[in-house]
PDB file of N, CA and C in Angstrom:
ATOM      1  N   UNK A   1    -105.785-167.379 248.913  1.00  0.00           N
ATOM      2  CA  UNK A   1    -105.253-166.185 249.517  1.00  0.00           C
ATOM      3  C   UNK A   1    -106.428-165.421 250.103  1.00  0.00           C
ATOM      4  N   UNK A   2    -106.248-164.912 251.321  1.00  0.00           N
ATOM      5  CA  UNK A   2    -107.337-164.225 251.999  1.00  0.00           C
ATOM      6  C   UNK A   2    -106.797-162.965 252.656  1.00  0.00           C
ATOM      7  N   UNK A   3    -107.611-161.901 252.622  1.00  0.00           N
ATOM      8  CA  UNK A   3    -107.259-160.661 253.297  1.00  0.00           C
ATOM      9  C   UNK A   3    -108.505-160.123 253.987  1.00  0.00           C
ATOM     10  N   UNK A   4    -108.369-159.726 255.246  1.00  0.00           N
ATOM     11  CA  UNK A   4    -109.492-159.201 256.015  1.00  0.00           C
ATOM     12  C   UNK A   4    -109.355-157.687 256.163  1.00  0.00           C
ATOM     13  N   UNK A   5    -110.486-156.996 256.103  1.00  0.00           N
ATOM     14  CA  UNK A   5    -110.531-155.547 256.247  1.00  0.00           C
ATOM     15  C   UNK A   5    -111.454-155.210 257.411  1.00  0.00           C
ATOM     16  N   UNK A   6    -111.032-154.247 258.234  1.00  0.00           N
ATOM     17  CA  UNK A   6    -111.769-153.905 259.450  1.00  0.00           C
ATOM     18  C   UNK A   6    -112.309-152.485 259.368  1.00  0.00           C
ATOM     19  N   UNK A   7    -113.432-152.224 260.054  1.00  0.00           N
ATOM     20  CA  UNK A   7    -114.008-150.891 260.076  1.00  0.00           C
ATOM     21  C   UNK A   7    -113.347-150.045 261.168  1.00  0.00           C
ATOM     22  N   UNK A   8    -113.853-148.833 261.356  1.00  0.00           N
ATOM     23  CA  UNK A   8    -113.263-147.917 262.342  1.00  0.00           C
ATOM     24  C   UNK A   8    -113.380-148.426 263.772  1.00  0.00           C
ATOM     25  N   UNK A   9    -114.364-149.296 264.018  1.00  0.00           N
ATOM     26  CA  UNK A   9    -114.543-149.871 265.355  1.00  0.00           C
ATOM     27  C   UNK A   9    -113.742-151.156 265.528  1.00  0.00           C
ATOM     28  N   UNK A  10    -112.883-151.444 264.537  1.00  0.00           N
ATOM     29  CA  UNK A  10    -112.011-152.620 264.542  1.00  0.00           C
ATOM     30  C   UNK A  10    -112.796-153.928 264.497  1.00  0.00           C
ATOM     31  N   UNK A  11    -113.986-153.883 263.882  1.00  0.00           N
ATOM     32  CA  UNK A  11    -114.770-155.097 263.645  1.00  0.00           C
ATOM     33  C   UNK A  11    -114.550-155.525 262.207  1.00  0.00           C
ATOM     34  N   UNK A  12    -114.526-156.833 261.983  1.00  0.00           N
ATOM     35  CA  UNK A  12    -114.346-157.359 260.638  1.00  0.00           C
ATOM     36  C   UNK A  12    -115.446-156.811 259.737  1.00  0.00           C
ATOM     37  N   UNK A  13    -115.045-156.192 258.624  1.00  0.00           N
ATOM     38  CA  UNK A  13    -116.003-155.575 257.721  1.00  0.00           C
ATOM     39  C   UNK A  13    -116.097-156.351 256.411  1.00  0.00           C
ATOM     40  N   UNK A  14    -114.950-156.573 255.778  1.00  0.00           N
ATOM     41  CA  UNK A  14    -114.942-157.260 254.492  1.00  0.00           C
ATOM     42  C   UNK A  14    -113.843-158.309 254.450  1.00  0.00           C
ATOM     43  N   UNK A  15    -114.072-159.316 253.626  1.00  0.00           N
ATOM     44  CA  UNK A  15    -113.085-160.375 253.442  1.00  0.00           C
ATOM     45  C   UNK A  15    -112.895-160.585 251.938  1.00  0.00           C
ATOM     46  N   UNK A  16    -111.648-160.461 251.497  1.00  0.00           N
ATOM     47  CA  UNK A  16    -111.289-160.706 250.105  1.00  0.00           C
ATOM     48  C   UNK A  16    -110.667-162.089 250.017  1.00  0.00           C
ATOM     49  N   UNK A  17    -111.204-162.915 249.123  1.00  0.00           N
ATOM     50  CA  UNK A  17    -110.667-164.259 248.915  1.00  0.00           C
ATOM     51  C   UNK A  17    -110.311-164.404 247.442  1.00  0.00           C
ATOM     52  N   UNK A  18    -109.086-164.813 247.180  1.00  0.00           N
ATOM     53  CA  UNK A  18    -108.623-165.036 245.807  1.00  0.00           C
ATOM     54  C   UNK A  18    -108.263-166.504 245.672  1.00  0.00           C
ATOM     55  N   UNK A  19    -108.789-167.140 244.608  1.00  0.00           N
ATOM     56  CA  UNK A  19    -108.517-168.569 244.410  1.00  0.00           C
ATOM     57  C   UNK A  19    -108.308-168.855 242.932  1.00  0.00           C
ATOM     58  N   UNK A  20    -108.062-170.109 242.651  1.00  0.00           N
ATOM     59  CA  UNK A  20    -107.758-170.552 241.285  1.00  0.00           C
ATOM     60  C   UNK A  20    -106.588-169.745 240.724  1.00  0.00           C
ATOM     61  N   UNK A  21    -105.471-169.798 241.416  1.00  0.00           N
ATOM     62  CA  UNK A  21    -104.270-169.073 240.995  1.00  0.00           C
ATOM     63  C   UNK A  21    -103.398-170.024 240.191  1.00  0.00           C
ATOM     64  N   UNK A  22    -103.108-169.646 238.947  1.00  0.00           N
ATOM     65  CA  UNK A  22    -102.295-170.469 238.049  1.00  0.00           C
ATOM     66  C   UNK A  22    -101.350-169.573 237.270  1.00  0.00           C
ATOM     67  N   UNK A  23    -100.328-170.207 236.673  1.00  0.00           N
ATOM     68  CA  UNK A  23     -99.439-169.457 235.790  1.00  0.00           C
ATOM     69  C   UNK A  23    -100.049-169.368 234.403  1.00  0.00           C
ATOM     70  N   UNK A  24    -100.107-168.135 233.883  1.00  0.00           N
ATOM     71  CA  UNK A  24    -100.578-167.884 232.529  1.00  0.00           C
ATOM     72  C   UNK A  24     -99.471-167.107 231.828  1.00  0.00           C
ATOM     73  N   UNK A  25     -98.910-167.677 230.794  1.00  0.00           N
ATOM     74  CA  UNK A  25     -97.827-167.061 230.040  1.00  0.00           C
ATOM     75  C   UNK A  25     -96.686-166.611 230.964  1.00  0.00           C
ATOM     76  N   UNK A  26     -96.408-167.405 231.991  1.00  0.00           N
ATOM     77  CA  UNK A  26     -95.315-167.113 232.908  1.00  0.00           C
ATOM     78  C   UNK A  26     -95.660-166.173 234.054  1.00  0.00           C
ATOM     79  N   UNK A  27     -96.904-165.698 234.140  1.00  0.00           N
ATOM     80  CA  UNK A  27     -97.322-164.791 235.209  1.00  0.00           C
ATOM     81  C   UNK A  27     -98.309-165.504 236.121  1.00  0.00           C
ATOM     82  N   UNK A  28     -98.088-165.407 237.431  1.00  0.00           N
ATOM     83  CA  UNK A  28     -99.082-165.940 238.374  1.00  0.00           C
ATOM     84  C   UNK A  28    -100.335-165.084 238.266  1.00  0.00           C
ATOM     85  N   UNK A  29    -101.450-165.739 238.024  1.00  0.00           N
ATOM     86  CA  UNK A  29    -102.681-165.035 237.705  1.00  0.00           C
ATOM     87  C   UNK A  29    -103.839-165.615 238.494  1.00  0.00           C
ATOM     88  N   UNK A  30    -104.674-164.724 239.057  1.00  0.00           N
ATOM     89  CA  UNK A  30    -105.863-165.200 239.758  1.00  0.00           C
ATOM     90  C   UNK A  30    -107.013-165.313 238.764  1.00  0.00           C
ATOM     91  N   UNK A  31    -107.850-166.302 238.988  1.00  0.00           N
ATOM     92  CA  UNK A  31    -108.982-166.524 238.096  1.00  0.00           C
ATOM     93  C   UNK A  31    -110.325-166.332 238.795  1.00  0.00           C
ATOM     94  N   UNK A  32    -110.307-166.263 240.122  1.00  0.00           N
ATOM     95  CA  UNK A  32    -111.543-166.069 240.875  1.00  0.00           C
ATOM     96  C   UNK A  32    -111.254-165.175 242.076  1.00  0.00           C
ATOM     97  N   UNK A  33    -112.044-164.105 242.201  1.00  0.00           N
ATOM     98  CA  UNK A  33    -111.886-163.179 243.317  1.00  0.00           C
ATOM     99  C   UNK A  33    -113.265-162.917 243.911  1.00  0.00           C
ATOM    100  N   UNK A  34    -113.354-163.001 245.233  1.00  0.00           N
ATOM    101  CA  UNK A  34    -114.628-162.762 245.914  1.00  0.00           C
ATOM    102  C   UNK A  34    -114.409-161.771 247.049  1.00  0.00           C
ATOM    103  N   UNK A  35    -115.219-160.717 247.055  1.00  0.00           N
ATOM    104  CA  UNK A  35    -115.212-159.762 248.158  1.00  0.00           C
ATOM    105  C   UNK A  35    -116.546-159.901 248.877  1.00  0.00           C
ATOM    106  N   UNK A  36    -116.476-160.176 250.170  1.00  0.00           N
ATOM    107  CA  UNK A  36    -117.696-160.354 250.958  1.00  0.00           C
ATOM    108  C   UNK A  36    -117.753-159.314 252.057  1.00  0.00           C
ATOM    109  N   UNK A  37    -118.894-158.621 252.147  1.00  0.00           N
ATOM    110  CA  UNK A  37    -119.158-157.736 253.260  1.00  0.00           C
ATOM    111  C   UNK A  37    -119.682-158.631 254.380  1.00  0.00           C
ATOM    112  N   UNK A  38    -118.847-158.897 255.351  1.00  0.00           N
ATOM    113  CA  UNK A  38    -119.189-159.836 256.424  1.00  0.00           C
ATOM    114  C   UNK A  38    -120.348-159.312 257.266  1.00  0.00           C
ATOM    115  N   UNK A  39    -120.496-158.003 257.366  1.00  0.00           N
ATOM    116  CA  UNK A  39    -121.538-157.413 258.197  1.00  0.00           C
ATOM    117  C   UNK A  39    -122.921-157.504 257.556  1.00  0.00           C
ATOM    118  N   UNK A  40    -122.980-157.434 256.211  1.00  0.00           N
ATOM    119  CA  UNK A  40    -124.285-157.475 255.542  1.00  0.00           C
ATOM    120  C   UNK A  40    -124.530-158.781 254.794  1.00  0.00           C
ATOM    121  N   UNK A  41    -123.470-159.533 254.533  1.00  0.00           N
ATOM    122  CA  UNK A  41    -123.599-160.776 253.783  1.00  0.00           C
ATOM    123  C   UNK A  41    -123.536-160.607 252.274  1.00  0.00           C
ATOM    124  N   UNK A  42    -123.416-159.367 251.785  1.00  0.00           N
ATOM    125  CA  UNK A  42    -123.341-159.113 250.340  1.00  0.00           C
ATOM    126  C   UNK A  42    -121.999-159.608 249.807  1.00  0.00           C
ATOM    127  N   UNK A  43    -122.029-160.226 248.613  1.00  0.00           N
ATOM    128  CA  UNK A  43    -120.810-160.725 247.982  1.00  0.00           C
ATOM    129  C   UNK A  43    -120.717-160.215 246.552  1.00  0.00           C
ATOM    130  N   UNK A  44    -119.496-159.928 246.129  1.00  0.00           N
ATOM    131  CA  UNK A  44    -119.204-159.626 244.733  1.00  0.00           C
ATOM    132  C   UNK A  44    -118.179-160.648 244.271  1.00  0.00           C
ATOM    133  N   UNK A  45    -118.474-161.320 243.168  1.00  0.00           N
ATOM    134  CA  UNK A  45    -117.584-162.354 242.636  1.00  0.00           C
ATOM    135  C   UNK A  45    -117.138-161.934 241.247  1.00  0.00           C
ATOM    136  N   UNK A  46    -115.819-161.983 241.022  1.00  0.00           N
ATOM    137  CA  UNK A  46    -115.253-161.673 239.712  1.00  0.00           C
ATOM    138  C   UNK A  46    -114.509-162.905 239.228  1.00  0.00           C
ATOM    139  N   UNK A  47    -114.902-163.384 238.047  1.00  0.00           N
ATOM    140  CA  UNK A  47    -114.225-164.521 237.413  1.00  0.00           C
ATOM    141  C   UNK A  47    -113.478-164.010 236.187  1.00  0.00           C
ATOM    142  N   UNK A  48    -112.255-164.453 236.031  1.00  0.00           N
ATOM    143  CA  UNK A  48    -111.436-164.059 234.885  1.00  0.00           C
ATOM    144  C   UNK A  48    -111.191-165.291 234.026  1.00  0.00           C
ATOM    145  N   UNK A  49    -111.481-165.148 232.729  1.00  0.00           N
ATOM    146  CA  UNK A  49    -111.249-166.240 231.779  1.00  0.00           C
ATOM    147  C   UNK A  49    -110.437-165.727 230.603  1.00  0.00           C
ATOM    148  N   UNK A  50    -109.687-166.612 230.011  1.00  0.00           N
ATOM    149  CA  UNK A  50    -108.933-166.303 228.779  1.00  0.00           C
ATOM    150  C   UNK A  50    -108.026-165.083 228.928  1.00  0.00           C
ATOM    151  N   UNK A  51    -107.299-165.013 230.033  1.00  0.00           N
ATOM    152  CA  UNK A  51    -106.388-163.893 230.236  1.00  0.00           C
ATOM    153  C   UNK A  51    -105.184-164.037 229.309  1.00  0.00           C
ATOM    154  N   UNK A  52    -104.723-162.905 228.792  1.00  0.00           N
ATOM    155  CA  UNK A  52    -103.553-162.885 227.934  1.00  0.00           C
ATOM    156  C   UNK A  52    -102.666-161.711 228.341  1.00  0.00           C
ATOM    157  N   UNK A  53    -101.373-161.891 228.160  1.00  0.00           N
ATOM    158  CA  UNK A  53    -100.410-160.860 228.509  1.00  0.00           C
ATOM    159  C   UNK A  53     -99.569-160.510 227.286  1.00  0.00           C
ATOM    160  N   UNK A  54     -98.923-159.351 227.344  1.00  0.00           N
ATOM    161  CA  UNK A  54     -98.061-158.871 226.261  1.00  0.00           C
ATOM    162  C   UNK A  54     -98.811-158.787 224.939  1.00  0.00           C
ATOM    163  N   UNK A  55    -100.043-158.327 225.001  1.00  0.00           N
ATOM    164  CA  UNK A  55    -100.875-158.165 223.815  1.00  0.00           C
ATOM    165  C   UNK A  55    -100.592-156.786 223.221  1.00  0.00           C
ATOM    166  N   UNK A  56    -100.398-156.731 221.929  1.00  0.00           N
ATOM    167  CA  UNK A  56    -100.158-155.451 221.256  1.00  0.00           C
ATOM    168  C   UNK A  56    -101.437-154.620 221.270  1.00  0.00           C
ATOM    169  N   UNK A  57    -101.316-153.371 221.683  1.00  0.00           N
ATOM    170  CA  UNK A  57    -102.454-152.458 221.744  1.00  0.00           C
ATOM    171  C   UNK A  57    -102.097-151.225 220.916  1.00  0.00           C
ATOM    172  N   UNK A  58    -102.986-150.840 220.023  1.00  0.00           N
ATOM    173  CA  UNK A  58    -102.743-149.682 219.162  1.00  0.00           C
ATOM    174  C   UNK A  58    -102.704-148.400 219.998  1.00  0.00           C
ATOM    175  N   UNK A  59    -101.706-147.551 219.786  1.00  0.00           N
ATOM    176  CA  UNK A  59    -101.592-146.300 220.559  1.00  0.00           C
ATOM    177  C   UNK A  59    -102.795-145.375 220.394  1.00  0.00           C
ATOM    178  N   UNK A  60    -103.492-145.464 219.253  1.00  0.00           N
ATOM    179  CA  UNK A  60    -104.632-144.555 219.045  1.00  0.00           C
ATOM    180  C   UNK A  60    -105.829-144.894 219.937  1.00  0.00           C
ATOM    181  N   UNK A  61    -105.755-145.974 220.701  1.00  0.00           N
ATOM    182  CA  UNK A  61    -106.811-146.287 221.672  1.00  0.00           C
ATOM    183  C   UNK A  61    -106.720-145.392 222.904  1.00  0.00           C
ATOM    184  N   UNK A  62    -105.600-144.665 223.043  1.00  0.00           N
ATOM    185  CA  UNK A  62    -105.375-143.878 224.240  1.00  0.00           C
ATOM    186  C   UNK A  62    -105.486-142.383 223.991  1.00  0.00           C
ATOM    187  N   UNK A  63    -106.351-141.982 223.078  1.00  0.00           N
ATOM    188  CA  UNK A  63    -106.604-140.554 222.888  1.00  0.00           C
ATOM    189  C   UNK A  63    -107.533-140.070 224.002  1.00  0.00           C
ATOM    190  N   UNK A  64    -107.540-138.781 224.249  1.00  0.00           N
ATOM    191  CA  UNK A  64    -108.366-138.215 225.317  1.00  0.00           C
ATOM    192  C   UNK A  64    -109.841-138.561 225.076  1.00  0.00           C
ATOM    193  N   UNK A  65    -110.313-138.388 223.847  1.00  0.00           N
ATOM    194  CA  UNK A  65    -111.732-138.632 223.588  1.00  0.00           C
ATOM    195  C   UNK A  65    -112.105-140.101 223.789  1.00  0.00           C
ATOM    196  N   UNK A  66    -111.258-141.028 223.380  1.00  0.00           N
ATOM    197  CA  UNK A  66    -111.574-142.453 223.556  1.00  0.00           C
ATOM    198  C   UNK A  66    -111.527-142.844 225.034  1.00  0.00           C
ATOM    199  N   UNK A  67    -110.580-142.265 225.770  1.00  0.00           N
ATOM    200  CA  UNK A  67    -110.514-142.560 227.201  1.00  0.00           C
ATOM    201  C   UNK A  67    -111.715-141.989 227.941  1.00  0.00           C
ATOM    202  N   UNK A  68    -112.183-140.826 227.529  1.00  0.00           N
ATOM    203  CA  UNK A  68    -113.371-140.232 228.165  1.00  0.00           C
ATOM    204  C   UNK A  68    -114.628-141.018 227.844  1.00  0.00           C
ATOM    205  N   UNK A  69    -114.720-141.560 226.633  1.00  0.00           N
ATOM    206  CA  UNK A  69    -115.885-142.351 226.235  1.00  0.00           C
ATOM    207  C   UNK A  69    -115.866-143.742 226.850  1.00  0.00           C
ATOM    208  N   UNK A  70    -114.685-144.218 227.229  1.00  0.00           N
ATOM    209  CA  UNK A  70    -114.573-145.557 227.794  1.00  0.00           C
ATOM    210  C   UNK A  70    -114.600-146.637 226.714  1.00  0.00           C
ATOM    211  N   UNK A  71    -114.221-146.270 225.501  1.00  0.00           N
ATOM    212  CA  UNK A  71    -114.207-147.186 224.356  1.00  0.00           C
ATOM    213  C   UNK A  71    -115.575-147.780 224.203  1.00  0.00           C
TER     214      UNK A  71
END
């Protein structure tokens, strides 16, 4: 899957590429995402491993202080 982003001058600026898409626990899930700044050549790559869904999360993780600290 690919998506192109353009700057104000309508020149190609960034390209997002998503690959390794598989079903995990019944959800279509991407495992590799790459964002490339076509103008500078800089790339950011995000790899996802061991994804899980419907995981129980304790409500006390969502207090104001824990959210501000970033756990």
